[in-house]
N, C-alpha and C. Protein backbone atom coordinates (compact mmCIF):
# COMPACT_ATOMS: atom_id res chain seq x y z
N MET A 1 0.81 -1.20 0.00
CA MET A 1 0.00 0.00 0.00
C MET A 1 0.85 1.25 0.00
N GLY A 2 2.16 1.12 0.02
CA GLY A 2 3.03 2.28 -0.03
C GLY A 2 3.05 3.01 1.30
N GLU A 3 3.42 4.29 1.24
CA GLU A 3 3.45 5.14 2.43
C GLU A 3 2.01 5.40 2.87
N SER A 4 1.69 5.00 4.08
CA SER A 4 0.33 5.17 4.56
C SER A 4 0.34 5.39 6.06
N ALA A 5 -0.65 6.10 6.53
CA ALA A 5 -0.79 6.33 7.96
C ALA A 5 -1.42 5.13 8.65
N VAL A 6 -1.90 4.19 7.88
CA VAL A 6 -2.54 3.00 8.42
C VAL A 6 -1.50 1.90 8.55
N SER A 7 -1.39 1.35 9.75
CA SER A 7 -0.38 0.31 9.96
C SER A 7 -0.82 -1.01 9.34
N SER A 8 0.15 -1.82 8.98
CA SER A 8 -0.17 -3.13 8.41
C SER A 8 -0.79 -4.03 9.48
N ALA A 9 -0.46 -3.79 10.76
CA ALA A 9 -1.08 -4.56 11.84
C ALA A 9 -2.57 -4.25 11.94
N ALA A 10 -2.94 -2.98 11.76
CA ALA A 10 -4.35 -2.60 11.80
C ALA A 10 -5.11 -3.24 10.64
N ILE A 11 -4.49 -3.28 9.49
CA ILE A 11 -5.12 -3.91 8.33
C ILE A 11 -5.27 -5.41 8.56
N ALA A 12 -4.24 -6.06 9.12
CA ALA A 12 -4.33 -7.49 9.42
C ALA A 12 -5.43 -7.77 10.43
N ASP A 13 -5.56 -6.92 11.46
CA ASP A 13 -6.64 -7.08 12.44
C ASP A 13 -8.01 -6.94 11.79
N ALA A 14 -8.15 -5.96 10.91
CA ALA A 14 -9.43 -5.74 10.23
C ALA A 14 -9.75 -6.92 9.32
N ALA A 15 -8.75 -7.46 8.64
CA ALA A 15 -8.97 -8.61 7.77
C ALA A 15 -9.40 -9.83 8.58
N GLU A 16 -8.79 -10.03 9.75
CA GLU A 16 -9.17 -11.14 10.62
C GLU A 16 -10.61 -10.99 11.10
N LEU A 17 -10.99 -9.78 11.48
CA LEU A 17 -12.37 -9.51 11.91
C LEU A 17 -13.35 -9.78 10.78
N LEU A 18 -13.01 -9.35 9.58
CA LEU A 18 -13.86 -9.60 8.42
C LEU A 18 -14.04 -11.10 8.19
N THR A 19 -12.96 -11.85 8.31
CA THR A 19 -13.02 -13.30 8.14
C THR A 19 -13.95 -13.92 9.17
N GLN A 20 -13.83 -13.49 10.43
CA GLN A 20 -14.70 -14.03 11.49
C GLN A 20 -16.16 -13.69 11.23
N LYS A 21 -16.42 -12.46 10.85
CA LYS A 21 -17.80 -12.03 10.60
C LYS A 21 -18.39 -12.78 9.40
N ALA A 22 -17.59 -12.98 8.36
CA ALA A 22 -18.06 -13.70 7.18
C ALA A 22 -18.40 -15.15 7.56
N ASP A 23 -17.58 -15.76 8.43
CA ASP A 23 -17.83 -17.12 8.87
C ASP A 23 -19.15 -17.21 9.64
N MET A 24 -19.39 -16.25 10.54
CA MET A 24 -20.66 -16.24 11.28
C MET A 24 -21.84 -16.03 10.35
N LEU A 25 -21.69 -15.14 9.38
CA LEU A 25 -22.76 -14.90 8.42
C LEU A 25 -23.03 -16.15 7.59
N LEU A 26 -21.99 -16.85 7.18
CA LEU A 26 -22.18 -18.09 6.42
C LEU A 26 -22.96 -19.11 7.24
N GLU A 27 -22.67 -19.20 8.54
CA GLU A 27 -23.42 -20.12 9.40
C GLU A 27 -24.90 -19.75 9.43
N ARG A 28 -25.19 -18.47 9.58
CA ARG A 28 -26.59 -18.02 9.62
C ARG A 28 -27.29 -18.27 8.30
N LEU A 29 -26.58 -18.00 7.20
CA LEU A 29 -27.18 -18.22 5.89
C LEU A 29 -27.40 -19.71 5.63
N ALA A 30 -26.45 -20.54 6.08
CA ALA A 30 -26.63 -21.98 5.93
C ALA A 30 -27.86 -22.43 6.71
N ASP A 31 -28.04 -21.89 7.92
CA ASP A 31 -29.24 -22.21 8.71
C ASP A 31 -30.50 -21.83 7.95
N ARG A 32 -30.49 -20.64 7.38
CA ARG A 32 -31.68 -20.17 6.66
C ARG A 32 -31.96 -21.06 5.46
N VAL A 33 -30.94 -21.38 4.71
CA VAL A 33 -31.11 -22.22 3.52
C VAL A 33 -31.58 -23.62 3.91
N MET A 34 -31.06 -24.13 5.01
CA MET A 34 -31.42 -25.47 5.46
C MET A 34 -32.71 -25.47 6.29
N ALA A 35 -33.33 -24.30 6.46
CA ALA A 35 -34.56 -24.14 7.23
C ALA A 35 -34.39 -24.65 8.66
N ALA A 36 -33.27 -24.32 9.24
CA ALA A 36 -32.99 -24.74 10.61
C ALA A 36 -33.65 -23.77 11.60
N PRO A 37 -33.85 -24.23 12.82
CA PRO A 37 -34.40 -23.34 13.86
C PRO A 37 -33.44 -22.18 14.18
N THR A 38 -33.87 -21.27 15.01
CA THR A 38 -33.07 -20.11 15.38
C THR A 38 -31.71 -20.52 15.93
N PRO A 39 -30.61 -19.94 15.39
CA PRO A 39 -29.27 -20.29 15.87
C PRO A 39 -29.13 -20.10 17.37
N GLY A 40 -28.55 -21.09 18.04
CA GLY A 40 -28.33 -21.02 19.47
C GLY A 40 -29.45 -21.61 20.31
N SER A 41 -30.62 -21.84 19.71
CA SER A 41 -31.74 -22.39 20.48
C SER A 41 -31.54 -23.88 20.71
N ARG A 42 -32.30 -24.43 21.65
CA ARG A 42 -32.22 -25.87 21.90
C ARG A 42 -32.54 -26.68 20.64
N ALA A 43 -33.57 -26.25 19.95
CA ALA A 43 -33.97 -26.95 18.72
C ALA A 43 -32.84 -26.90 17.69
N TRP A 44 -32.12 -25.78 17.63
CA TRP A 44 -31.00 -25.62 16.70
C TRP A 44 -29.90 -26.64 17.00
N TYR A 45 -29.52 -26.75 18.29
CA TYR A 45 -28.49 -27.71 18.66
C TYR A 45 -28.95 -29.14 18.41
N ALA A 46 -30.21 -29.42 18.69
CA ALA A 46 -30.74 -30.76 18.46
C ALA A 46 -30.75 -31.08 16.96
N HIS A 47 -31.15 -30.11 16.16
CA HIS A 47 -31.19 -30.29 14.71
C HIS A 47 -29.80 -30.54 14.14
N ARG A 48 -28.82 -29.80 14.65
CA ARG A 48 -27.44 -29.93 14.14
C ARG A 48 -26.85 -31.29 14.46
N SER A 49 -27.17 -31.84 15.63
CA SER A 49 -26.54 -33.09 16.03
C SER A 49 -27.39 -34.33 15.74
N ALA A 50 -28.65 -34.14 15.37
CA ALA A 50 -29.56 -35.29 15.21
C ALA A 50 -29.31 -36.08 13.94
N ALA A 51 -29.21 -35.41 12.83
CA ALA A 51 -29.13 -36.11 11.55
C ALA A 51 -27.71 -36.58 11.27
N ALA A 52 -27.60 -37.83 10.86
CA ALA A 52 -26.30 -38.36 10.45
C ALA A 52 -25.88 -37.60 9.20
N GLY A 53 -24.63 -37.20 9.18
CA GLY A 53 -24.13 -36.47 8.02
C GLY A 53 -24.47 -35.00 8.03
N SER A 54 -25.07 -34.49 9.12
CA SER A 54 -25.47 -33.09 9.13
C SER A 54 -24.27 -32.16 9.04
N VAL A 55 -23.14 -32.56 9.58
CA VAL A 55 -21.94 -31.74 9.49
C VAL A 55 -21.54 -31.62 8.03
N LYS A 56 -21.54 -32.74 7.33
CA LYS A 56 -21.18 -32.73 5.91
C LYS A 56 -22.18 -31.91 5.11
N GLU A 57 -23.47 -32.13 5.35
CA GLU A 57 -24.50 -31.38 4.63
C GLU A 57 -24.34 -29.88 4.85
N ARG A 58 -24.12 -29.50 6.10
CA ARG A 58 -23.96 -28.09 6.45
C ARG A 58 -22.76 -27.49 5.72
N LEU A 59 -21.65 -28.22 5.70
CA LEU A 59 -20.46 -27.72 5.02
C LEU A 59 -20.70 -27.59 3.52
N LEU A 60 -21.43 -28.54 2.94
CA LEU A 60 -21.73 -28.44 1.52
C LEU A 60 -22.61 -27.24 1.22
N VAL A 61 -23.56 -26.93 2.10
CA VAL A 61 -24.39 -25.73 1.92
C VAL A 61 -23.53 -24.48 2.03
N ARG A 62 -22.65 -24.44 3.03
CA ARG A 62 -21.73 -23.29 3.17
C ARG A 62 -20.88 -23.11 1.92
N ILE A 63 -20.38 -24.23 1.39
CA ILE A 63 -19.54 -24.16 0.19
C ILE A 63 -20.34 -23.61 -0.98
N ALA A 64 -21.57 -24.08 -1.15
CA ALA A 64 -22.41 -23.60 -2.25
C ALA A 64 -22.66 -22.10 -2.14
N ILE A 65 -22.98 -21.63 -0.93
CA ILE A 65 -23.22 -20.19 -0.73
C ILE A 65 -21.95 -19.39 -0.98
N ALA A 66 -20.87 -19.82 -0.38
CA ALA A 66 -19.60 -19.09 -0.51
C ALA A 66 -19.11 -19.09 -1.96
N HIS A 67 -19.34 -20.19 -2.66
CA HIS A 67 -18.93 -20.26 -4.07
C HIS A 67 -19.69 -19.23 -4.90
N GLN A 68 -20.99 -19.14 -4.66
CA GLN A 68 -21.80 -18.16 -5.40
C GLN A 68 -21.35 -16.73 -5.10
N ALA A 69 -20.81 -16.51 -3.89
CA ALA A 69 -20.36 -15.17 -3.49
C ALA A 69 -18.88 -14.94 -3.82
N HIS A 70 -18.26 -15.91 -4.49
CA HIS A 70 -16.85 -15.82 -4.90
C HIS A 70 -15.89 -15.74 -3.72
N PHE A 71 -16.18 -16.48 -2.65
CA PHE A 71 -15.30 -16.56 -1.49
C PHE A 71 -14.26 -17.65 -1.71
N ASP A 72 -13.19 -17.59 -0.94
CA ASP A 72 -12.19 -18.66 -0.93
C ASP A 72 -12.80 -19.84 -0.18
N LEU A 73 -12.83 -20.99 -0.81
CA LEU A 73 -13.51 -22.15 -0.24
C LEU A 73 -12.58 -23.18 0.38
N ALA A 74 -11.29 -22.96 0.31
CA ALA A 74 -10.32 -23.99 0.69
C ALA A 74 -10.56 -24.57 2.08
N GLU A 75 -10.80 -23.74 3.08
CA GLU A 75 -10.96 -24.24 4.45
C GLU A 75 -12.23 -25.08 4.60
N ASP A 76 -13.34 -24.60 4.09
CA ASP A 76 -14.58 -25.37 4.19
C ASP A 76 -14.49 -26.66 3.38
N ILE A 77 -13.82 -26.62 2.26
CA ILE A 77 -13.68 -27.84 1.46
C ILE A 77 -12.83 -28.86 2.21
N ALA A 78 -11.76 -28.41 2.83
CA ALA A 78 -10.94 -29.33 3.63
C ALA A 78 -11.76 -29.93 4.76
N ARG A 79 -12.59 -29.11 5.42
CA ARG A 79 -13.44 -29.60 6.50
C ARG A 79 -14.49 -30.57 5.97
N ALA A 80 -15.06 -30.29 4.80
CA ALA A 80 -16.04 -31.18 4.21
C ALA A 80 -15.42 -32.52 3.85
N ARG A 81 -14.20 -32.50 3.37
CA ARG A 81 -13.51 -33.75 3.03
C ARG A 81 -13.31 -34.59 4.29
N VAL A 82 -12.91 -33.95 5.39
CA VAL A 82 -12.73 -34.67 6.66
C VAL A 82 -14.06 -35.24 7.14
N ALA A 83 -15.15 -34.51 6.89
CA ALA A 83 -16.48 -34.95 7.31
C ALA A 83 -17.07 -36.00 6.37
N GLY A 84 -16.32 -36.40 5.36
CA GLY A 84 -16.79 -37.45 4.46
C GLY A 84 -17.33 -36.96 3.13
N GLY A 85 -17.21 -35.67 2.86
CA GLY A 85 -17.68 -35.14 1.58
C GLY A 85 -16.78 -35.59 0.45
N GLY A 86 -17.39 -36.07 -0.61
CA GLY A 86 -16.63 -36.53 -1.77
C GLY A 86 -16.44 -35.42 -2.79
N TRP A 87 -15.50 -35.64 -3.69
CA TRP A 87 -15.25 -34.64 -4.74
C TRP A 87 -16.46 -34.46 -5.63
N ALA A 88 -17.23 -35.51 -5.85
CA ALA A 88 -18.44 -35.39 -6.66
C ALA A 88 -19.45 -34.45 -5.99
N GLU A 89 -19.61 -34.58 -4.67
CA GLU A 89 -20.54 -33.71 -3.93
C GLU A 89 -20.05 -32.26 -3.94
N ILE A 90 -18.76 -32.08 -3.73
CA ILE A 90 -18.19 -30.73 -3.75
C ILE A 90 -18.32 -30.13 -5.14
N GLY A 91 -18.04 -30.95 -6.15
CA GLY A 91 -18.21 -30.47 -7.52
C GLY A 91 -19.65 -30.09 -7.81
N GLU A 92 -20.59 -30.89 -7.32
CA GLU A 92 -22.01 -30.61 -7.56
C GLU A 92 -22.43 -29.27 -6.98
N VAL A 93 -22.02 -28.96 -5.75
CA VAL A 93 -22.46 -27.71 -5.13
C VAL A 93 -21.71 -26.49 -5.66
N THR A 94 -20.60 -26.72 -6.37
CA THR A 94 -19.85 -25.59 -6.95
C THR A 94 -20.01 -25.51 -8.46
N GLY A 95 -20.81 -26.42 -9.02
CA GLY A 95 -21.03 -26.38 -10.46
C GLY A 95 -19.86 -26.91 -11.27
N LEU A 96 -19.04 -27.72 -10.65
CA LEU A 96 -17.88 -28.31 -11.33
C LEU A 96 -18.02 -29.82 -11.36
N SER A 97 -17.21 -30.45 -12.17
CA SER A 97 -17.16 -31.91 -12.12
C SER A 97 -16.30 -32.30 -10.91
N ALA A 98 -16.38 -33.56 -10.51
CA ALA A 98 -15.55 -34.04 -9.41
C ALA A 98 -14.08 -33.82 -9.72
N ARG A 99 -13.70 -34.09 -10.95
CA ARG A 99 -12.30 -33.93 -11.37
C ARG A 99 -11.85 -32.47 -11.28
N GLN A 100 -12.70 -31.56 -11.76
CA GLN A 100 -12.36 -30.13 -11.69
C GLN A 100 -12.24 -29.66 -10.25
N ALA A 101 -13.16 -30.09 -9.41
CA ALA A 101 -13.13 -29.70 -8.00
C ALA A 101 -11.85 -30.21 -7.34
N ARG A 102 -11.52 -31.46 -7.60
CA ARG A 102 -10.31 -32.04 -7.00
C ARG A 102 -9.07 -31.31 -7.47
N ARG A 103 -8.99 -31.02 -8.75
CA ARG A 103 -7.83 -30.28 -9.28
C ARG A 103 -7.71 -28.90 -8.65
N ARG A 104 -8.84 -28.28 -8.41
CA ARG A 104 -8.82 -26.90 -7.89
C ARG A 104 -8.51 -26.84 -6.40
N TRP A 105 -9.05 -27.79 -5.61
CA TRP A 105 -8.95 -27.66 -4.16
C TRP A 105 -8.22 -28.78 -3.43
N ASP A 106 -7.79 -29.81 -4.12
CA ASP A 106 -7.10 -30.90 -3.42
C ASP A 106 -5.74 -30.40 -2.95
N THR A 107 -5.51 -30.49 -1.65
CA THR A 107 -4.27 -29.99 -1.07
C THR A 107 -3.24 -31.09 -0.87
N VAL A 108 -3.60 -32.34 -1.12
CA VAL A 108 -2.68 -33.46 -0.96
C VAL A 108 -1.93 -33.65 -2.27
N PRO A 109 -0.60 -33.50 -2.26
CA PRO A 109 0.16 -33.68 -3.51
C PRO A 109 -0.02 -35.09 -4.07
N VAL A 110 0.03 -35.19 -5.39
CA VAL A 110 -0.14 -36.47 -6.07
C VAL A 110 0.85 -37.50 -5.54
N ALA A 111 2.11 -37.11 -5.34
CA ALA A 111 3.13 -38.04 -4.85
C ALA A 111 2.74 -38.61 -3.49
N SER A 112 2.14 -37.80 -2.61
CA SER A 112 1.72 -38.28 -1.29
C SER A 112 0.59 -39.28 -1.42
N ARG A 113 -0.36 -39.03 -2.33
CA ARG A 113 -1.46 -39.97 -2.53
C ARG A 113 -0.93 -41.29 -3.04
N ARG A 114 0.08 -41.25 -3.90
CA ARG A 114 0.67 -42.48 -4.41
C ARG A 114 1.29 -43.28 -3.29
N ARG A 115 2.02 -42.60 -2.40
CA ARG A 115 2.67 -43.28 -1.28
C ARG A 115 1.65 -43.90 -0.34
N GLU A 116 0.56 -43.19 -0.08
CA GLU A 116 -0.47 -43.68 0.84
C GLU A 116 -1.14 -44.95 0.31
N THR A 117 -1.38 -45.01 -0.96
CA THR A 117 -2.11 -46.13 -1.53
C THR A 117 -1.22 -47.14 -2.22
N GLU A 118 0.04 -46.74 -2.43
CA GLU A 118 0.99 -47.57 -3.19
C GLU A 118 0.49 -47.80 -4.62
N GLN A 119 -0.34 -46.88 -5.10
CA GLN A 119 -0.84 -46.96 -6.46
C GLN A 119 -0.67 -45.62 -7.13
N LEU A 120 -0.70 -45.61 -8.41
CA LEU A 120 -0.65 -44.36 -9.15
C LEU A 120 -2.02 -43.70 -9.08
N ALA A 121 -2.01 -42.40 -8.97
CA ALA A 121 -3.27 -41.66 -8.98
C ALA A 121 -3.83 -41.67 -10.39
N ILE A 122 -5.11 -41.95 -10.53
CA ILE A 122 -5.77 -41.97 -11.83
C ILE A 122 -6.67 -40.76 -11.91
N TRP A 123 -6.48 -39.95 -12.88
CA TRP A 123 -7.28 -38.72 -13.04
C TRP A 123 -8.27 -38.97 -14.07
């Protein structure tokens, strides 16, 4: 930003706050899209923990919303993968094929996948 009266620490703090607020807003929007009860209510907590795969479903909804808003999806995609989300599901909610989604967001290098499975990765 060149010579500025605004410190880079202040900008970093503001960026972190924006990230936190965007994350909270995504949670609220996911609730609205999924027709969940009021966030924080007993029914909300019961709804979130009752259905098998609800974590995965919720992350896929967040990814779909964030994708439409042109947000960086890397963190939610990594979380969805841990929760059992497949590349086909991630591709579906982002309008990509499974292969395109994997190429765009897979953080595991091909060489590591080969070592883990002792097989060549097939694209």
